[in-house]
Amino acid sequence: MSEVTTERVRCAACRFACPDESASSKIWTAFQCGNDKSEYHRCLLNITPNGDKQSRITWTGCELGERRRCL
């Protein structure tokens, strides 16, 4: 069951945020949005608007995100 909410789900907590091996390097892992319904689809989520690499996902997220389930 998917949990779609009307609130904004942060990209860091979204199940669609996944590693992008083609954009990653040996010392940095790129993360992209895998939700084809989102405006952020295929965007790198740990890059600043200036193009600086970040170690954490910092994008604010969208209404189409789904929270990861905790076990």
PDB file of N, CA and C in Angstrom:
ATOM      1  N   MET A   1       0.833  -1.186   0.000  1.00  0.00           N
ATOM      2  CA  MET A   1       0.000   0.000   0.000  1.00  0.00           C
ATOM      3  C   MET A   1       0.870   1.239   0.000  1.00  0.00           C
ATOM      4  N   SER A   2       0.549   2.155  -0.864  1.00  0.00           N
ATOM      5  CA  SER A   2       1.311   3.396  -0.891  1.00  0.00           C
ATOM      6  C   SER A   2       0.617   4.426  -0.016  1.00  0.00           C
ATOM      7  N   GLU A   3       1.421   5.266   0.577  1.00  0.00           N
ATOM      8  CA  GLU A   3       0.904   6.291   1.462  1.00  0.00           C
ATOM      9  C   GLU A   3       1.125   7.654   0.818  1.00  0.00           C
ATOM     10  N   VAL A   4       0.178   8.105   0.010  1.00  0.00           N
ATOM     11  CA  VAL A   4       0.276   9.397  -0.650  1.00  0.00           C
ATOM     12  C   VAL A   4      -0.382  10.419   0.265  1.00  0.00           C
ATOM     13  N   THR A   5       0.306  11.507   0.528  1.00  0.00           N
ATOM     14  CA  THR A   5      -0.218  12.531   1.420  1.00  0.00           C
ATOM     15  C   THR A   5      -0.405  13.824   0.655  1.00  0.00           C
ATOM     16  N   THR A   6      -1.129  14.756   1.256  1.00  0.00           N
ATOM     17  CA  THR A   6      -1.281  16.069   0.646  1.00  0.00           C
ATOM     18  C   THR A   6      -0.214  17.018   1.160  1.00  0.00           C
ATOM     19  N   GLU A   7       0.556  16.579   2.143  1.00  0.00           N
ATOM     20  CA  GLU A   7       1.638  17.413   2.648  1.00  0.00           C
ATOM     21  C   GLU A   7       2.907  17.136   1.855  1.00  0.00           C
ATOM     22  N   ARG A   8       3.845  18.027   1.985  1.00  0.00           N
ATOM     23  CA  ARG A   8       5.123  17.900   1.287  1.00  0.00           C
ATOM     24  C   ARG A   8       6.002  16.889   2.026  1.00  0.00           C
ATOM     25  N   VAL A   9       6.458  15.859   1.325  1.00  0.00           N
ATOM     26  CA  VAL A   9       7.355  14.858   1.898  1.00  0.00           C
ATOM     27  C   VAL A   9       8.771  15.234   1.499  1.00  0.00           C
ATOM     28  N   ARG A  10       9.636  15.424   2.488  1.00  0.00           N
ATOM     29  CA  ARG A  10      11.030  15.787   2.200  1.00  0.00           C
ATOM     30  C   ARG A  10      11.704  14.685   1.378  1.00  0.00           C
ATOM     31  N   CYS A  11      12.517  15.083   0.435  1.00  0.00           N
ATOM     32  CA  CYS A  11      13.199  14.121  -0.429  1.00  0.00           C
ATOM     33  C   CYS A  11      14.027  13.121   0.386  1.00  0.00           C
ATOM     34  N   ALA A  12      14.628  13.570   1.472  1.00  0.00           N
ATOM     35  CA  ALA A  12      15.455  12.689   2.290  1.00  0.00           C
ATOM     36  C   ALA A  12      14.638  11.576   2.935  1.00  0.00           C
ATOM     37  N   ALA A  13      13.329  11.782   3.117  1.00  0.00           N
ATOM     38  CA  ALA A  13      12.463  10.785   3.748  1.00  0.00           C
ATOM     39  C   ALA A  13      11.607  10.033   2.731  1.00  0.00           C
ATOM     40  N   CYS A  14      11.806  10.295   1.451  1.00  0.00           N
ATOM     41  CA  CYS A  14      10.949   9.727   0.403  1.00  0.00           C
ATOM     42  C   CYS A  14      11.510   8.401  -0.108  1.00  0.00           C
ATOM     43  N   ARG A  15      10.609   7.471  -0.384  1.00  0.00           N
ATOM     44  CA  ARG A  15      11.045   6.162  -0.879  1.00  0.00           C
ATOM     45  C   ARG A  15      11.551   6.208  -2.320  1.00  0.00           C
ATOM     46  N   PHE A  16      11.255   7.279  -3.037  1.00  0.00           N
ATOM     47  CA  PHE A  16      11.685   7.400  -4.432  1.00  0.00           C
ATOM     48  C   PHE A  16      13.117   7.940  -4.569  1.00  0.00           C
ATOM     49  N   ALA A  17      13.696   8.464  -3.505  1.00  0.00           N
ATOM     50  CA  ALA A  17      15.086   8.941  -3.563  1.00  0.00           C
ATOM     51  C   ALA A  17      16.006   7.725  -3.601  1.00  0.00           C
ATOM     52  N   CYS A  18      16.800   7.616  -4.657  1.00  0.00           N
ATOM     53  CA  CYS A  18      17.652   6.443  -4.820  1.00  0.00           C
ATOM     54  C   CYS A  18      19.019   6.858  -5.376  1.00  0.00           C
ATOM     55  N   PRO A  19      20.042   6.047  -5.109  1.00  0.00           N
ATOM     56  CA  PRO A  19      21.378   6.365  -5.625  1.00  0.00           C
ATOM     57  C   PRO A  19      21.408   6.372  -7.152  1.00  0.00           C
ATOM     58  N   ASP A  20      22.186   7.289  -7.713  1.00  0.00           N
ATOM     59  CA  ASP A  20      22.384   7.373  -9.155  1.00  0.00           C
ATOM     60  C   ASP A  20      23.853   7.052  -9.432  1.00  0.00           C
ATOM     61  N   GLU A  21      24.107   5.815  -9.784  1.00  0.00           N
ATOM     62  CA  GLU A  21      25.484   5.360  -9.974  1.00  0.00           C
ATOM     63  C   GLU A  21      26.189   6.067 -11.119  1.00  0.00           C
ATOM     64  N   SER A  22      25.450   6.469 -12.150  1.00  0.00           N
ATOM     65  CA  SER A  22      26.088   7.106 -13.306  1.00  0.00           C
ATOM     66  C   SER A  22      26.586   8.514 -12.978  1.00  0.00           C
ATOM     67  N   ALA A  23      26.005   9.182 -11.983  1.00  0.00           N
ATOM     68  CA  ALA A  23      26.435  10.533 -11.599  1.00  0.00           C
ATOM     69  C   ALA A  23      27.351  10.519 -10.381  1.00  0.00           C
ATOM     70  N   SER A  24      27.499   9.378  -9.730  1.00  0.00           N
ATOM     71  CA  SER A  24      28.317   9.276  -8.520  1.00  0.00           C
ATOM     72  C   SER A  24      29.797   9.161  -8.862  1.00  0.00           C
ATOM     73  N   SER A  25      30.623   9.434  -7.871  1.00  0.00           N
ATOM     74  CA  SER A  25      32.070   9.248  -8.018  1.00  0.00           C
ATOM     75  C   SER A  25      32.532   8.279  -6.932  1.00  0.00           C
ATOM     76  N   LYS A  26      33.820   8.040  -6.867  1.00  0.00           N
ATOM     77  CA  LYS A  26      34.352   7.112  -5.864  1.00  0.00           C
ATOM     78  C   LYS A  26      34.129   7.606  -4.439  1.00  0.00           C
ATOM     79  N   ILE A  27      34.132   8.921  -4.257  1.00  0.00           N
ATOM     80  CA  ILE A  27      34.022   9.461  -2.902  1.00  0.00           C
ATOM     81  C   ILE A  27      32.692  10.154  -2.624  1.00  0.00           C
ATOM     82  N   TRP A  28      31.769  10.158  -3.592  1.00  0.00           N
ATOM     83  CA  TRP A  28      30.485  10.843  -3.421  1.00  0.00           C
ATOM     84  C   TRP A  28      29.386  10.055  -4.111  1.00  0.00           C
ATOM     85  N   THR A  29      28.257   9.868  -3.420  1.00  0.00           N
ATOM     86  CA  THR A  29      27.108   9.171  -3.989  1.00  0.00           C
ATOM     87  C   THR A  29      26.027  10.176  -4.340  1.00  0.00           C
ATOM     88  N   ALA A  30      25.647  10.195  -5.590  1.00  0.00           N
ATOM     89  CA  ALA A  30      24.567  11.068  -6.057  1.00  0.00           C
ATOM     90  C   ALA A  30      23.230  10.369  -5.809  1.00  0.00           C
ATOM     91  N   PHE A  31      22.208  11.140  -5.449  1.00  0.00           N
ATOM     92  CA  PHE A  31      20.861  10.614  -5.272  1.00  0.00           C
ATOM     93  C   PHE A  31      19.925  11.335  -6.232  1.00  0.00           C
ATOM     94  N   GLN A  32      19.023  10.579  -6.850  1.00  0.00           N
ATOM     95  CA  GLN A  32      18.069  11.166  -7.785  1.00  0.00           C
ATOM     96  C   GLN A  32      16.648  10.785  -7.385  1.00  0.00           C
ATOM     97  N   CYS A  33      15.687  11.530  -7.908  1.00  0.00           N
ATOM     98  CA  CYS A  33      14.277  11.247  -7.682  1.00  0.00           C
ATOM     99  C   CYS A  33      13.824  10.221  -8.724  1.00  0.00           C
ATOM    100  N   GLY A  34      13.220   9.137  -8.256  1.00  0.00           N
ATOM    101  CA  GLY A  34      12.757   8.091  -9.150  1.00  0.00           C
ATOM    102  C   GLY A  34      11.249   8.093  -9.366  1.00  0.00           C
ATOM    103  N   ASN A  35      10.564   9.146  -8.926  1.00  0.00           N
ATOM    104  CA  ASN A  35       9.110   9.229  -9.072  1.00  0.00           C
ATOM    105  C   ASN A  35       8.779   9.930 -10.388  1.00  0.00           C
ATOM    106  N   ASP A  36       8.280   9.171 -11.362  1.00  0.00           N
ATOM    107  CA  ASP A  36       8.021   9.763 -12.681  1.00  0.00           C
ATOM    108  C   ASP A  36       6.845  10.735 -12.692  1.00  0.00           C
ATOM    109  N   LYS A  37       6.102  10.829 -11.596  1.00  0.00           N
ATOM    110  CA  LYS A  37       5.003  11.797 -11.506  1.00  0.00           C
ATOM    111  C   LYS A  37       5.447  13.123 -10.883  1.00  0.00           C
ATOM    112  N   SER A  38       6.629  13.142 -10.295  1.00  0.00           N
ATOM    113  CA  SER A  38       7.122  14.324  -9.596  1.00  0.00           C
ATOM    114  C   SER A  38       7.789  15.310 -10.550  1.00  0.00           C
ATOM    115  N   GLU A  39       7.714  16.581 -10.198  1.00  0.00           N
ATOM    116  CA  GLU A  39       8.425  17.604 -10.970  1.00  0.00           C
ATOM    117  C   GLU A  39       9.935  17.446 -10.831  1.00  0.00           C
ATOM    118  N   TYR A  40      10.387  16.720  -9.817  1.00  0.00           N
ATOM    119  CA  TYR A  40      11.812  16.500  -9.573  1.00  0.00           C
ATOM    120  C   TYR A  40      12.335  15.214 -10.220  1.00  0.00           C
ATOM    121  N   HIS A  41      11.518  14.502 -10.989  1.00  0.00           N
ATOM    122  CA  HIS A  41      11.929  13.224 -11.570  1.00  0.00           C
ATOM    123  C   HIS A  41      13.281  13.338 -12.267  1.00  0.00           C
ATOM    124  N   ARG A  42      14.179  12.464 -11.903  1.00  0.00           N
ATOM    125  CA  ARG A  42      15.546  12.363 -12.424  1.00  0.00           C
ATOM    126  C   ARG A  42      16.466  13.523 -12.032  1.00  0.00           C
ATOM    127  N   CYS A  43      16.020  14.382 -11.128  1.00  0.00           N
ATOM    128  CA  CYS A  43      16.891  15.455 -10.627  1.00  0.00           C
ATOM    129  C   CYS A  43      17.831  14.894  -9.565  1.00  0.00           C
ATOM    130  N   LEU A  44      19.036  15.420  -9.520  1.00  0.00           N
ATOM    131  CA  LEU A  44      19.960  15.044  -8.455  1.00  0.00           C
ATOM    132  C   LEU A  44      19.581  15.821  -7.201  1.00  0.00           C
ATOM    133  N   LEU A  45      19.337  15.107  -6.119  1.00  0.00           N
ATOM    134  CA  LEU A  45      18.771  15.686  -4.905  1.00  0.00           C
ATOM    135  C   LEU A  45      19.803  16.165  -3.893  1.00  0.00           C
ATOM    136  N   ASN A  46      21.067  15.881  -4.126  1.00  0.00           N
ATOM    137  CA  ASN A  46      22.098  16.369  -3.209  1.00  0.00           C
ATOM    138  C   ASN A  46      23.122  17.240  -3.952  1.00  0.00           C
ATOM    139  N   ILE A  47      22.568  18.117  -4.784  1.00  0.00           N
ATOM    140  CA  ILE A  47      23.335  19.133  -5.514  1.00  0.00           C
ATOM    141  C   ILE A  47      22.691  20.482  -5.210  1.00  0.00           C
ATOM    142  N   THR A  48      23.487  21.502  -4.939  1.00  0.00           N
ATOM    143  CA  THR A  48      22.944  22.839  -4.692  1.00  0.00           C
ATOM    144  C   THR A  48      22.613  23.512  -6.026  1.00  0.00           C
ATOM    145  N   PRO A  49      21.854  24.606  -6.007  1.00  0.00           N
ATOM    146  CA  PRO A  49      21.580  25.338  -7.253  1.00  0.00           C
ATOM    147  C   PRO A  49      22.857  25.814  -7.953  1.00  0.00           C
ATOM    148  N   ASN A  50      23.943  25.976  -7.191  1.00  0.00           N
ATOM    149  CA  ASN A  50      25.228  26.386  -7.777  1.00  0.00           C
ATOM    150  C   ASN A  50      26.033  25.214  -8.319  1.00  0.00           C
ATOM    151  N   GLY A  51      25.532  23.991  -8.140  1.00  0.00           N
ATOM    152  CA  GLY A  51      26.229  22.811  -8.642  1.00  0.00           C
ATOM    153  C   GLY A  51      27.173  22.171  -7.652  1.00  0.00           C
ATOM    154  N   ASP A  52      27.158  22.620  -6.403  1.00  0.00           N
ATOM    155  CA  ASP A  52      28.038  22.031  -5.382  1.00  0.00           C
ATOM    156  C   ASP A  52      27.471  20.694  -4.900  1.00  0.00           C
ATOM    157  N   LYS A  53      28.345  19.711  -4.746  1.00  0.00           N
ATOM    158  CA  LYS A  53      27.943  18.393  -4.260  1.00  0.00           C
ATOM    159  C   LYS A  53      27.772  18.442  -2.747  1.00  0.00           C
ATOM    160  N   GLN A  54      26.725  17.782  -2.254  1.00  0.00           N
ATOM    161  CA  GLN A  54      26.490  17.686  -0.819  1.00  0.00           C
ATOM    162  C   GLN A  54      26.414  16.222  -0.424  1.00  0.00           C
ATOM    163  N   SER A  55      26.784  15.916   0.804  1.00  0.00           N
ATOM    164  CA  SER A  55      26.762  14.526   1.241  1.00  0.00           C
ATOM    165  C   SER A  55      25.351  14.059   1.589  1.00  0.00           C
ATOM    166  N   ARG A  56      24.463  14.993   1.923  1.00  0.00           N
ATOM    167  CA  ARG A  56      23.098  14.648   2.305  1.00  0.00           C
ATOM    168  C   ARG A  56      22.095  15.218   1.312  1.00  0.00           C
ATOM    169  N   ILE A  57      20.921  14.599   1.252  1.00  0.00           N
ATOM    170  CA  ILE A  57      19.826  15.104   0.414  1.00  0.00           C
ATOM    171  C   ILE A  57      19.226  16.302   1.130  1.00  0.00           C
ATOM    172  N   THR A  58      19.188  17.443   0.469  1.00  0.00           N
ATOM    173  CA  THR A  58      18.715  18.674   1.111  1.00  0.00           C
ATOM    174  C   THR A  58      17.496  19.282   0.435  1.00  0.00           C
ATOM    175  N   TRP A  59      17.035  18.724  -0.663  1.00  0.00           N
ATOM    176  CA  TRP A  59      15.881  19.288  -1.354  1.00  0.00           C
ATOM    177  C   TRP A  59      14.650  19.199  -0.473  1.00  0.00           C
ATOM    178  N   THR A  60      13.724  20.134  -0.645  1.00  0.00           N
ATOM    179  CA  THR A  60      12.556  20.228   0.229  1.00  0.00           C
ATOM    180  C   THR A  60      11.510  19.154  -0.032  1.00  0.00           C
ATOM    181  N   GLY A  61      11.399  18.644  -1.213  1.00  0.00           N
ATOM    182  CA  GLY A  61      10.433  17.595  -1.504  1.00  0.00           C
ATOM    183  C   GLY A  61       9.203  18.100  -2.224  1.00  0.00           C
ATOM    184  N   CYS A  62       8.223  17.187  -2.393  1.00  0.00           N
ATOM    185  CA  CYS A  62       7.006  17.529  -3.135  1.00  0.00           C
ATOM    186  C   CYS A  62       5.801  16.815  -2.545  1.00  0.00           C
ATOM    187  N   GLU A  63       4.631  17.159  -3.049  1.00  0.00           N
ATOM    188  CA  GLU A  63       3.384  16.563  -2.578  1.00  0.00           C
ATOM    189  C   GLU A  63       3.190  15.136  -3.091  1.00  0.00           C
ATOM    190  N   LEU A  64       3.931  14.738  -4.097  1.00  0.00           N
ATOM    191  CA  LEU A  64       3.777  13.411  -4.689  1.00  0.00           C
ATOM    192  C   LEU A  64       4.697  12.367  -4.066  1.00  0.00           C
ATOM    193  N   GLY A  65       5.497  12.779  -3.099  1.00  0.00           N
ATOM    194  CA  GLY A  65       6.404  11.847  -2.438  1.00  0.00           C
ATOM    195  C   GLY A  65       5.661  10.888  -1.526  1.00  0.00           C
ATOM    196  N   GLU A  66       6.328   9.771  -1.227  1.00  0.00           N
ATOM    197  CA  GLU A  66       5.788   8.779  -0.301  1.00  0.00           C
ATOM    198  C   GLU A  66       6.852   8.506   0.751  1.00  0.00           C
ATOM    199  N   ARG A  67       6.449   8.578   2.003  1.00  0.00           N
ATOM    200  CA  ARG A  67       7.379   8.326   3.098  1.00  0.00           C
ATOM    201  C   ARG A  67       7.873   6.890   3.074  1.00  0.00           C
ATOM    202  N   ARG A  68       9.160   6.738   3.387  1.00  0.00           N
ATOM    203  CA  ARG A  68       9.707   5.382   3.543  1.00  0.00           C
ATOM    204  C   ARG A  68       9.070   4.736   4.747  1.00  0.00           C
ATOM    205  N   ARG A  69       8.871   3.465   4.661  1.00  0.00           N
ATOM    206  CA  ARG A  69       8.343   2.715   5.800  1.00  0.00           C
ATOM    207  C   ARG A  69       9.495   2.299   6.704  1.00  0.00           C
ATOM    208  N   CYS A  70       9.347   2.500   7.980  1.00  0.00           N
ATOM    209  CA  CYS A  70      10.349   2.060   8.956  1.00  0.00           C
ATOM    210  C   CYS A  70      10.002   0.659   9.415  1.00  0.00           C
ATOM    211  N   LEU A  71      11.005  -0.165   9.577  1.00  0.00           N
ATOM    212  CA  LEU A  71      10.773  -1.533  10.053  1.00  0.00           C
ATOM    213  C   LEU A  71      10.959  -1.626  11.536  1.00  0.00           C
TER     214      LEU A  71
END
